[in-house]
PDB file of N, CA and C in Angstrom:
ATOM      1  N   UNK A   1     -19.475  -4.721 -16.328  1.00  0.00           N
ATOM      2  CA  UNK A   1     -18.352  -5.085 -17.102  1.00  0.00           C
ATOM      3  C   UNK A   1     -17.048  -4.710 -16.363  1.00  0.00           C
ATOM      4  N   UNK A   2     -16.099  -5.457 -16.548  1.00  0.00           N
ATOM      5  CA  UNK A   2     -14.728  -5.088 -15.964  1.00  0.00           C
ATOM      6  C   UNK A   2     -13.672  -5.048 -16.884  1.00  0.00           C
ATOM      7  N   UNK A   3     -12.547  -4.463 -16.475  1.00  0.00           N
ATOM      8  CA  UNK A   3     -11.363  -4.463 -17.364  1.00  0.00           C
ATOM      9  C   UNK A   3     -10.312  -5.310 -16.603  1.00  0.00           C
ATOM     10  N   UNK A   4      -9.246  -5.852 -17.312  1.00  0.00           N
ATOM     11  CA  UNK A   4      -8.217  -6.510 -16.819  1.00  0.00           C
ATOM     12  C   UNK A   4      -6.981  -5.917 -17.231  1.00  0.00           C
ATOM     13  N   UNK A   5      -6.080  -5.532 -16.358  1.00  0.00           N
ATOM     14  CA  UNK A   5      -4.663  -4.996 -16.785  1.00  0.00           C
ATOM     15  C   UNK A   5      -3.668  -6.049 -16.358  1.00  0.00           C
ATOM     16  N   UNK A   6      -2.979  -6.593 -17.365  1.00  0.00           N
ATOM     17  CA  UNK A   6      -1.897  -7.458 -17.098  1.00  0.00           C
ATOM     18  C   UNK A   6      -0.657  -6.552 -16.806  1.00  0.00           C
ATOM     19  N   UNK A   7      -0.309  -6.440 -15.585  1.00  0.00           N
ATOM     20  CA  UNK A   7       0.703  -5.551 -15.145  1.00  0.00           C
ATOM     21  C   UNK A   7       2.057  -5.860 -15.524  1.00  0.00           C
ATOM     22  N   UNK A   8       2.272  -7.238 -15.578  1.00  0.00           N
ATOM     23  CA  UNK A   8       3.680  -7.566 -16.122  1.00  0.00           C
ATOM     24  C   UNK A   8       4.009  -7.128 -17.551  1.00  0.00           C
ATOM     25  N   UNK A   9       2.947  -7.327 -18.454  1.00  0.00           N
ATOM     26  CA  UNK A   9       3.007  -6.839 -19.875  1.00  0.00           C
ATOM     27  C   UNK A   9       2.803  -5.359 -20.094  1.00  0.00           C
ATOM     28  N   UNK A  10       1.813  -4.755 -19.445  1.00  0.00           N
ATOM     29  CA  UNK A  10       1.482  -3.331 -19.684  1.00  0.00           C
ATOM     30  C   UNK A  10       2.435  -2.319 -18.961  1.00  0.00           C
ATOM     31  N   UNK A  11       2.987  -2.761 -17.756  1.00  0.00           N
ATOM     32  CA  UNK A  11       3.708  -1.877 -17.047  1.00  0.00           C
ATOM     33  C   UNK A  11       5.250  -2.456 -16.926  1.00  0.00           C
ATOM     34  N   UNK A  12       5.480  -3.484 -16.223  1.00  0.00           N
ATOM     35  CA  UNK A  12       6.877  -4.056 -16.110  1.00  0.00           C
ATOM     36  C   UNK A  12       6.694  -5.334 -15.219  1.00  0.00           C
ATOM     37  N   UNK A  13       7.664  -6.267 -15.394  1.00  0.00           N
ATOM     38  CA  UNK A  13       7.658  -7.498 -14.606  1.00  0.00           C
ATOM     39  C   UNK A  13       8.201  -7.208 -13.245  1.00  0.00           C
ATOM     40  N   UNK A  14       8.938  -6.131 -13.020  1.00  0.00           N
ATOM     41  CA  UNK A  14       9.398  -5.667 -11.726  1.00  0.00           C
ATOM     42  C   UNK A  14       8.664  -4.312 -11.424  1.00  0.00           C
ATOM     43  N   UNK A  15       7.797  -4.315 -10.407  1.00  0.00           N
ATOM     44  CA  UNK A  15       7.120  -3.082 -10.053  1.00  0.00           C
ATOM     45  C   UNK A  15       7.871  -2.446  -8.941  1.00  0.00           C
ATOM     46  N   UNK A  16       8.555  -1.295  -9.161  1.00  0.00           N
ATOM     47  CA  UNK A  16       9.488  -0.967  -8.116  1.00  0.00           C
ATOM     48  C   UNK A  16       9.399   0.567  -7.640  1.00  0.00           C
ATOM     49  N   UNK A  17       8.217   1.275  -7.875  1.00  0.00           N
ATOM     50  CA  UNK A  17       8.181   2.593  -7.385  1.00  0.00           C
ATOM     51  C   UNK A  17       6.654   3.016  -7.210  1.00  0.00           C
ATOM     52  N   UNK A  18       6.503   4.007  -6.319  1.00  0.00           N
ATOM     53  CA  UNK A  18       5.153   4.478  -6.066  1.00  0.00           C
ATOM     54  C   UNK A  18       4.570   5.040  -7.266  1.00  0.00           C
ATOM     55  N   UNK A  19       5.358   5.688  -8.129  1.00  0.00           N
ATOM     56  CA  UNK A  19       4.877   6.398  -9.452  1.00  0.00           C
ATOM     57  C   UNK A  19       4.268   5.427 -10.282  1.00  0.00           C
ATOM     58  N   UNK A  20       4.597   4.250 -10.280  1.00  0.00           N
ATOM     59  CA  UNK A  20       3.910   3.186 -11.195  1.00  0.00           C
ATOM     60  C   UNK A  20       2.433   3.025 -10.908  1.00  0.00           C
ATOM     61  N   UNK A  21       2.076   3.285  -9.622  1.00  0.00           N
ATOM     62  CA  UNK A  21       0.668   3.236  -9.161  1.00  0.00           C
ATOM     63  C   UNK A  21      -0.073   4.316  -9.973  1.00  0.00           C
ATOM     64  N   UNK A  22       0.514   5.483 -10.084  1.00  0.00           N
ATOM     65  CA  UNK A  22      -0.146   6.567 -10.904  1.00  0.00           C
ATOM     66  C   UNK A  22      -0.275   6.091 -12.292  1.00  0.00           C
ATOM     67  N   UNK A  23       0.787   5.427 -12.889  1.00  0.00           N
ATOM     68  CA  UNK A  23       0.653   4.991 -14.283  1.00  0.00           C
ATOM     69  C   UNK A  23      -0.623   3.926 -14.513  1.00  0.00           C
ATOM     70  N   UNK A  24      -0.800   3.050 -13.396  1.00  0.00           N
ATOM     71  CA  UNK A  24      -1.822   2.153 -13.530  1.00  0.00           C
ATOM     72  C   UNK A  24      -3.046   2.956 -13.319  1.00  0.00           C
ATOM     73  N   UNK A  25      -3.211   3.904 -12.409  1.00  0.00           N
ATOM     74  CA  UNK A  25      -4.392   4.725 -12.306  1.00  0.00           C
ATOM     75  C   UNK A  25      -4.875   5.300 -13.597  1.00  0.00           C
ATOM     76  N   UNK A  26      -3.938   5.818 -14.370  1.00  0.00           N
ATOM     77  CA  UNK A  26      -4.225   6.382 -15.715  1.00  0.00           C
ATOM     78  C   UNK A  26      -4.775   5.539 -16.760  1.00  0.00           C
ATOM     79  N   UNK A  27      -4.455   4.178 -16.562  1.00  0.00           N
ATOM     80  CA  UNK A  27      -5.056   3.033 -17.482  1.00  0.00           C
ATOM     81  C   UNK A  27      -6.467   2.708 -17.138  1.00  0.00           C
ATOM     82  N   UNK A  28      -6.835   2.894 -15.934  1.00  0.00           N
ATOM     83  CA  UNK A  28      -8.203   2.446 -15.382  1.00  0.00           C
ATOM     84  C   UNK A  28      -9.254   3.288 -15.970  1.00  0.00           C
ATOM     85  N   UNK A  29     -10.078   2.610 -16.712  1.00  0.00           N
ATOM     86  CA  UNK A  29     -11.182   3.310 -17.404  1.00  0.00           C
ATOM     87  C   UNK A  29     -12.655   2.770 -16.896  1.00  0.00           C
ATOM     88  N   UNK A  30     -12.726   1.664 -16.035  1.00  0.00           N
ATOM     89  CA  UNK A  30     -13.956   1.130 -15.625  1.00  0.00           C
ATOM     90  C   UNK A  30     -13.969   1.139 -14.024  1.00  0.00           C
ATOM     91  N   UNK A  31     -15.164   1.005 -13.531  1.00  0.00           N
ATOM     92  CA  UNK A  31     -15.318   0.911 -12.097  1.00  0.00           C
ATOM     93  C   UNK A  31     -14.758  -0.348 -11.572  1.00  0.00           C
ATOM     94  N   UNK A  32     -14.888  -1.462 -12.244  1.00  0.00           N
ATOM     95  CA  UNK A  32     -14.509  -2.769 -11.806  1.00  0.00           C
ATOM     96  C   UNK A  32     -13.195  -3.125 -12.548  1.00  0.00           C
ATOM     97  N   UNK A  33     -12.132  -3.272 -11.795  1.00  0.00           N
ATOM     98  CA  UNK A  33     -10.704  -3.579 -12.415  1.00  0.00           C
ATOM     99  C   UNK A  33     -10.105  -4.774 -11.805  1.00  0.00           C
ATOM    100  N   UNK A  34      -9.490  -5.579 -12.602  1.00  0.00           N
ATOM    101  CA  UNK A  34      -8.675  -6.741 -12.123  1.00  0.00           C
ATOM    102  C   UNK A  34      -7.278  -6.392 -12.536  1.00  0.00           C
ATOM    103  N   UNK A  35      -6.425  -6.257 -11.520  1.00  0.00           N
ATOM    104  CA  UNK A  35      -4.967  -6.103 -11.774  1.00  0.00           C
ATOM    105  C   UNK A  35      -4.414  -7.518 -11.750  1.00  0.00           C
ATOM    106  N   UNK A  36      -3.922  -7.944 -12.889  1.00  0.00           N
ATOM    107  CA  UNK A  36      -3.416  -9.425 -13.062  1.00  0.00           C
ATOM    108  C   UNK A  36      -1.861  -9.371 -12.909  1.00  0.00           C
ATOM    109  N   UNK A  37      -1.295 -10.074 -11.840  1.00  0.00           N
ATOM    110  CA  UNK A  37      -0.004 -10.201 -11.604  1.00  0.00           C
ATOM    111  C   UNK A  37       0.822 -11.237 -12.193  1.00  0.00           C
ATOM    112  N   UNK A  38       0.061 -12.012 -13.094  1.00  0.00           N
ATOM    113  CA  UNK A  38       0.604 -13.329 -13.533  1.00  0.00           C
ATOM    114  C   UNK A  38       2.082 -13.123 -14.126  1.00  0.00           C
ATOM    115  N   UNK A  39       2.337 -11.980 -14.778  1.00  0.00           N
ATOM    116  CA  UNK A  39       3.632 -11.833 -15.446  1.00  0.00           C
ATOM    117  C   UNK A  39       4.515 -10.897 -14.634  1.00  0.00           C
ATOM    118  N   UNK A  40       4.161 -10.731 -13.321  1.00  0.00           N
ATOM    119  CA  UNK A  40       4.942  -9.883 -12.421  1.00  0.00           C
ATOM    120  C   UNK A  40       5.902 -10.789 -11.589  1.00  0.00           C
ATOM    121  N   UNK A  41       7.179 -10.486 -11.580  1.00  0.00           N
ATOM    122  CA  UNK A  41       8.095 -11.255 -10.908  1.00  0.00           C
ATOM    123  C   UNK A  41       8.418 -10.810  -9.423  1.00  0.00           C
ATOM    124  N   UNK A  42       8.212  -9.435  -9.315  1.00  0.00           N
ATOM    125  CA  UNK A  42       8.683  -8.931  -7.971  1.00  0.00           C
ATOM    126  C   UNK A  42       7.958  -7.434  -7.867  1.00  0.00           C
ATOM    127  N   UNK A  43       7.635  -7.152  -6.642  1.00  0.00           N
ATOM    128  CA  UNK A  43       7.173  -5.784  -6.407  1.00  0.00           C
ATOM    129  C   UNK A  43       7.910  -5.222  -5.100  1.00  0.00           C
ATOM    130  N   UNK A  44       8.185  -4.015  -5.068  1.00  0.00           N
ATOM    131  CA  UNK A  44       8.935  -3.519  -3.825  1.00  0.00           C
ATOM    132  C   UNK A  44       7.924  -3.123  -2.831  1.00  0.00           C
ATOM    133  N   UNK A  45       8.313  -2.830  -1.749  1.00  0.00           N
ATOM    134  CA  UNK A  45       7.558  -2.498  -0.381  1.00  0.00           C
ATOM    135  C   UNK A  45       6.874  -1.134  -0.768  1.00  0.00           C
ATOM    136  N   UNK A  46       7.503  -0.256  -1.395  1.00  0.00           N
ATOM    137  CA  UNK A  46       6.855   1.061  -1.702  1.00  0.00           C
ATOM    138  C   UNK A  46       5.822   0.921  -2.717  1.00  0.00           C
ATOM    139  N   UNK A  47       5.954   0.101  -3.709  1.00  0.00           N
ATOM    140  CA  UNK A  47       4.829  -0.055  -4.782  1.00  0.00           C
ATOM    141  C   UNK A  47       3.746  -0.708  -4.108  1.00  0.00           C
ATOM    142  N   UNK A  48       3.882  -1.804  -3.300  1.00  0.00           N
ATOM    143  CA  UNK A  48       2.759  -2.489  -2.587  1.00  0.00           C
ATOM    144  C   UNK A  48       2.066  -1.437  -1.636  1.00  0.00           C
ATOM    145  N   UNK A  49       2.728  -0.682  -0.928  1.00  0.00           N
ATOM    146  CA  UNK A  49       2.161   0.201   0.036  1.00  0.00           C
ATOM    147  C   UNK A  49       1.255   1.222  -0.705  1.00  0.00           C
ATOM    148  N   UNK A  50       1.735   1.787  -1.857  1.00  0.00           N
ATOM    149  CA  UNK A  50       0.997   2.777  -2.605  1.00  0.00           C
ATOM    150  C   UNK A  50      -0.234   2.116  -3.262  1.00  0.00           C
ATOM    151  N   UNK A  51      -0.093   0.925  -3.797  1.00  0.00           N
ATOM    152  CA  UNK A  51      -1.194   0.256  -4.379  1.00  0.00           C
ATOM    153  C   UNK A  51      -2.272  -0.056  -3.401  1.00  0.00           C
ATOM    154  N   UNK A  52      -1.868  -0.522  -2.228  1.00  0.00           N
ATOM    155  CA  UNK A  52      -2.894  -0.940  -1.162  1.00  0.00           C
ATOM    156  C   UNK A  52      -3.601   0.319  -0.769  1.00  0.00           C
ATOM    157  N   UNK A  53      -2.864   1.413  -0.588  1.00  0.00           N
ATOM    158  CA  UNK A  53      -3.450   2.746  -0.212  1.00  0.00           C
ATOM    159  C   UNK A  53      -4.632   3.126  -1.141  1.00  0.00           C
ATOM    160  N   UNK A  54      -4.319   2.983  -2.502  1.00  0.00           N
ATOM    161  CA  UNK A  54      -5.050   3.317  -3.646  1.00  0.00           C
ATOM    162  C   UNK A  54      -6.358   2.321  -3.667  1.00  0.00           C
ATOM    163  N   UNK A  55      -6.151   0.994  -3.352  1.00  0.00           N
ATOM    164  CA  UNK A  55      -7.194   0.113  -3.282  1.00  0.00           C
ATOM    165  C   UNK A  55      -8.174   0.388  -2.030  1.00  0.00           C
ATOM    166  N   UNK A  56      -7.666   0.855  -0.976  1.00  0.00           N
ATOM    167  CA  UNK A  56      -8.631   1.198   0.047  1.00  0.00           C
ATOM    168  C   UNK A  56      -9.509   2.266  -0.271  1.00  0.00           C
ATOM    169  N   UNK A  57      -9.090   3.243  -1.167  1.00  0.00           N
ATOM    170  CA  UNK A  57     -10.020   4.292  -1.651  1.00  0.00           C
ATOM    171  C   UNK A  57     -10.892   3.780  -2.825  1.00  0.00           C
ATOM    172  N   UNK A  58     -10.486   2.716  -3.409  1.00  0.00           N
ATOM    173  CA  UNK A  58     -11.160   2.188  -4.753  1.00  0.00           C
ATOM    174  C   UNK A  58     -11.334   0.686  -4.532  1.00  0.00           C
ATOM    175  N   UNK A  59     -12.451   0.233  -3.757  1.00  0.00           N
ATOM    176  CA  UNK A  59     -12.619  -1.153  -3.332  1.00  0.00           C
ATOM    177  C   UNK A  59     -12.911  -2.034  -4.454  1.00  0.00           C
ATOM    178  N   UNK A  60     -13.328  -1.518  -5.717  1.00  0.00           N
ATOM    179  CA  UNK A  60     -13.635  -2.336  -6.793  1.00  0.00           C
ATOM    180  C   UNK A  60     -12.428  -2.800  -7.558  1.00  0.00           C
ATOM    181  N   UNK A  61     -11.270  -2.833  -6.948  1.00  0.00           N
ATOM    182  CA  UNK A  61     -10.064  -3.193  -7.598  1.00  0.00           C
ATOM    183  C   UNK A  61      -9.727  -4.545  -7.045  1.00  0.00           C
ATOM    184  N   UNK A  62      -9.549  -5.554  -7.909  1.00  0.00           N
ATOM    185  CA  UNK A  62      -9.126  -6.879  -7.461  1.00  0.00           C
ATOM    186  C   UNK A  62      -7.839  -7.268  -7.909  1.00  0.00           C
ATOM    187  N   UNK A  63      -6.991  -7.833  -6.984  1.00  0.00           N
ATOM    188  CA  UNK A  63      -5.587  -8.263  -7.309  1.00  0.00           C
ATOM    189  C   UNK A  63      -5.501  -9.713  -7.533  1.00  0.00           C
ATOM    190  N   UNK A  64      -5.082 -10.188  -8.747  1.00  0.00           N
ATOM    191  CA  UNK A  64      -5.078 -11.726  -8.959  1.00  0.00           C
ATOM    192  C   UNK A  64      -3.722 -12.163  -9.508  1.00  0.00           C
ATOM    193  N   UNK A  65      -3.632 -13.534  -9.235  1.00  0.00           N
ATOM    194  CA  UNK A  65      -2.509 -14.244  -9.922  1.00  0.00           C
ATOM    195  C   UNK A  65      -1.000 -13.841  -9.457  1.00  0.00           C
ATOM    196  N   UNK A  66      -0.915 -13.665  -8.165  1.00  0.00           N
ATOM    197  CA  UNK A  66       0.335 -13.160  -7.629  1.00  0.00           C
ATOM    198  C   UNK A  66       1.250 -14.464  -7.371  1.00  0.00           C
ATOM    199  N   UNK A  67       2.556 -14.467  -7.582  1.00  0.00           N
ATOM    200  CA  UNK A  67       3.471 -15.440  -7.270  1.00  0.00           C
ATOM    201  C   UNK A  67       3.708 -15.321  -5.845  1.00  0.00           C
ATOM    202  N   UNK A  68       4.460 -16.264  -5.206  1.00  0.00           N
ATOM    203  CA  UNK A  68       4.571 -16.315  -3.696  1.00  0.00           C
ATOM    204  C   UNK A  68       5.284 -15.068  -3.178  1.00  0.00           C
ATOM    205  N   UNK A  69       6.316 -14.636  -3.810  1.00  0.00           N
ATOM    206  CA  UNK A  69       7.062 -13.376  -3.400  1.00  0.00           C
ATOM    207  C   UNK A  69       6.207 -12.095  -3.403  1.00  0.00           C
ATOM    208  N   UNK A  70       5.456 -12.002  -4.386  1.00  0.00           N
ATOM    209  CA  UNK A  70       4.657 -10.853  -4.622  1.00  0.00           C
ATOM    210  C   UNK A  70       3.524 -10.847  -3.608  1.00  0.00           C
ATOM    211  N   UNK A  71       2.915 -12.027  -3.384  1.00  0.00           N
ATOM    212  CA  UNK A  71       1.784 -12.168  -2.448  1.00  0.00           C
ATOM    213  C   UNK A  71       2.395 -11.892  -1.125  1.00  0.00           C
ATOM    214  N   UNK A  72       3.581 -12.317  -0.746  1.00  0.00           N
ATOM    215  CA  UNK A  72       4.120 -12.188   0.643  1.00  0.00           C
ATOM    216  C   UNK A  72       4.371 -10.680   0.852  1.00  0.00           C
ATOM    217  N   UNK A  73       4.915  -9.932  -0.226  1.00  0.00           N
ATOM    218  CA  UNK A  73       5.210  -8.602   0.157  1.00  0.00           C
ATOM    219  C   UNK A  73       3.889  -7.738   0.359  1.00  0.00           C
ATOM    220  N   UNK A  74       2.791  -8.182  -0.341  1.00  0.00           N
ATOM    221  CA  UNK A  74       1.459  -7.546  -0.103  1.00  0.00           C
ATOM    222  C   UNK A  74       0.954  -7.827   1.296  1.00  0.00           C
ATOM    223  N   UNK A  75       1.187  -9.031   1.858  1.00  0.00           N
ATOM    224  CA  UNK A  75       0.773  -9.498   3.186  1.00  0.00           C
ATOM    225  C   UNK A  75       1.553  -8.708   4.195  1.00  0.00           C
ATOM    226  N   UNK A  76       2.840  -8.460   4.050  1.00  0.00           N
ATOM    227  CA  UNK A  76       3.543  -7.767   4.971  1.00  0.00           C
ATOM    228  C   UNK A  76       3.150  -6.320   5.036  1.00  0.00           C
ATOM    229  N   UNK A  77       2.949  -5.693   3.855  1.00  0.00           N
ATOM    230  CA  UNK A  77       2.571  -4.383   3.880  1.00  0.00           C
ATOM    231  C   UNK A  77       1.117  -4.088   4.472  1.00  0.00           C
ATOM    232  N   UNK A  78       0.281  -5.067   4.170  1.00  0.00           N
ATOM    233  CA  UNK A  78      -1.098  -4.955   4.641  1.00  0.00           C
ATOM    234  C   UNK A  78      -1.068  -5.110   6.175  1.00  0.00           C
ATOM    235  N   UNK A  79      -0.306  -5.996   6.706  1.00  0.00           N
ATOM    236  CA  UNK A  79      -0.206  -6.073   8.180  1.00  0.00           C
ATOM    237  C   UNK A  79       0.202  -4.794   8.783  1.00  0.00           C
ATOM    238  N   UNK A  80       1.332  -4.168   8.149  1.00  0.00           N
ATOM    239  CA  UNK A  80       1.762  -2.905   8.712  1.00  0.00           C
ATOM    240  C   UNK A  80       0.727  -1.718   8.609  1.00  0.00           C
ATOM    241  N   UNK A  81      -0.078  -1.783   7.593  1.00  0.00           N
ATOM    242  CA  UNK A  81      -1.108  -0.760   7.413  1.00  0.00           C
ATOM    243  C   UNK A  81      -2.231  -0.959   8.483  1.00  0.00           C
ATOM    244  N   UNK A  82      -2.361  -2.111   8.893  1.00  0.00           N
ATOM    245  CA  UNK A  82      -3.427  -2.464   9.811  1.00  0.00           C
ATOM    246  C   UNK A  82      -3.090  -2.170  11.231  1.00  0.00           C
ATOM    247  N   UNK A  83      -1.673  -2.063  11.449  1.00  0.00           N
ATOM    248  CA  UNK A  83      -1.367  -1.810  12.873  1.00  0.00           C
ATOM    249  C   UNK A  83      -1.639  -0.335  13.220  1.00  0.00           C
ATOM    250  N   UNK A  84      -2.210  -0.161  14.407  1.00  0.00           N
ATOM    251  CA  UNK A  84      -2.461   1.227  14.861  1.00  0.00           C
ATOM    252  C   UNK A  84      -1.230   1.841  15.397  1.00  0.00           C
ATOM    253  N   UNK A  85      -0.939   3.025  15.120  1.00  0.00           N
ATOM    254  CA  UNK A  85       0.336   3.658  15.626  1.00  0.00           C
ATOM    255  C   UNK A  85       0.100   3.760  17.209  1.00  0.00           C
ATOM    256  N   UNK A  86       1.089   3.508  17.933  1.00  0.00           N
ATOM    257  CA  UNK A  86       1.089   3.591  19.360  1.00  0.00           C
ATOM    258  C   UNK A  86       1.231   5.072  19.834  1.00  0.00           C
ATOM    259  N   UNK A  87       0.351   5.464  20.768  1.00  0.00           N
ATOM    260  CA  UNK A  87       0.508   6.799  21.232  1.00  0.00           C
ATOM    261  C   UNK A  87       1.911   7.014  21.945  1.00  0.00           C
ATOM    262  N   UNK A  88       2.363   8.239  21.808  1.00  0.00           N
ATOM    263  CA  UNK A  88       3.717   8.551  22.451  1.00  0.00           C
ATOM    264  C   UNK A  88       3.613   8.469  23.921  1.00  0.00           C
ATOM    265  N   UNK A  89       4.621   7.871  24.553  1.00  0.00           N
ATOM    266  CA  UNK A  89       4.565   7.838  26.042  1.00  0.00           C
ATOM    267  C   UNK A  89       5.091   9.295  26.613  1.00  0.00           C
ATOM    268  N   UNK A  90       4.191  10.061  27.198  1.00  0.00           N
ATOM    269  CA  UNK A  90       4.502  11.250  27.716  1.00  0.00           C
ATOM    270  C   UNK A  90       4.243  11.327  29.144  1.00  0.00           C
ATOM    271  N   UNK A  91       5.172  11.900  29.916  1.00  0.00           N
ATOM    272  CA  UNK A  91       5.082  11.872  31.431  1.00  0.00           C
ATOM    273  C   UNK A  91       4.781  13.416  31.667  1.00  0.00           C
ATOM    274  N   UNK A  92       3.618  13.625  32.241  1.00  0.00           N
ATOM    275  CA  UNK A  92       3.341  15.083  32.612  1.00  0.00           C
ATOM    276  C   UNK A  92       3.531  15.224  34.129  1.00  0.00           C
ATOM    277  N   UNK A  93       4.259  16.048  34.530  1.00  0.00           N
ATOM    278  CA  UNK A  93       4.469  16.262  36.011  1.00  0.00           C
ATOM    279  C   UNK A  93       4.022  17.696  36.434  1.00  0.00           C
ATOM    280  N   UNK A  94       3.379  17.791  37.373  1.00  0.00           N
ATOM    281  CA  UNK A  94       2.983  19.012  37.852  1.00  0.00           C
ATOM    282  C   UNK A  94       3.843  19.447  39.095  1.00  0.00           C
ATOM    283  N   UNK A  95       4.261  20.712  39.116  1.00  0.00           N
ATOM    284  CA  UNK A  95       5.175  21.089  40.299  1.00  0.00           C
ATOM    285  C   UNK A  95       4.558  22.520  40.798  1.00  0.00           C
ATOM    286  N   UNK A  96       4.785  22.697  42.012  1.00  0.00           N
ATOM    287  CA  UNK A  96       4.466  23.871  42.688  1.00  0.00           C
ATOM    288  C   UNK A  96       5.464  24.952  42.296  1.00  0.00           C
ATOM    289  N   UNK A  97       4.919  26.114  41.818  1.00  0.00           N
ATOM    290  CA  UNK A  97       5.887  27.225  41.360  1.00  0.00           C
ATOM    291  C   UNK A  97       6.837  27.558  42.422  1.00  0.00           C
ATOM    292  N   UNK A  98       6.563  27.623  43.657  1.00  0.00           N
ATOM    293  CA  UNK A  98       7.428  27.930  44.698  1.00  0.00           C
ATOM    294  C   UNK A  98       8.567  26.966  44.885  1.00  0.00           C
ATOM    295  N   UNK A  99       8.375  25.627  44.582  1.00  0.00           N
ATOM    296  CA  UNK A  99       9.490  24.715  44.553  1.00  0.00           C
ATOM    297  C   UNK A  99      10.518  24.886  43.447  1.00  0.00           C
ATOM    298  N   UNK A 100       9.979  25.461  42.353  1.00  0.00           N
ATOM    299  CA  UNK A 100      10.873  25.737  41.188  1.00  0.00           C
ATOM    300  C   UNK A 100      11.717  27.000  41.432  1.00  0.00           C
ATOM    301  N   UNK A 101      11.064  28.184  41.971  1.00  0.00           N
ATOM    302  CA  UNK A 101      11.722  29.352  42.318  1.00  0.00           C
ATOM    303  C   UNK A 101      12.735  29.345  43.437  1.00  0.00           C
ATOM    304  N   UNK A 102      12.158  28.712  44.498  1.00  0.00           N
ATOM    305  CA  UNK A 102      12.933  28.673  45.730  1.00  0.00           C
ATOM    306  C   UNK A 102      14.115  27.725  45.810  1.00  0.00           C
TER     307      UNK A 102
END
């Protein structure tokens, strides 16, 4: 059995903060959850980032019915999360102690 949460009605039509993900978490009572975005007009980058991080730890969450702007925000954030950080460019140079002192 699964539960569906209509985010636009139960939370807000504009989802604009990381803290709202905590509110959503508190509403989840089942293992299988559908988060329905049909009444959501817009999400911020920070909200999408926090929700995707939560979803990675809880793969039984399904996101449905996003409009094009909401879907695009999630795509952008997901691409950023998939990029691996580049290692810093460090140049290590060895020197003879005599050349430094002398």
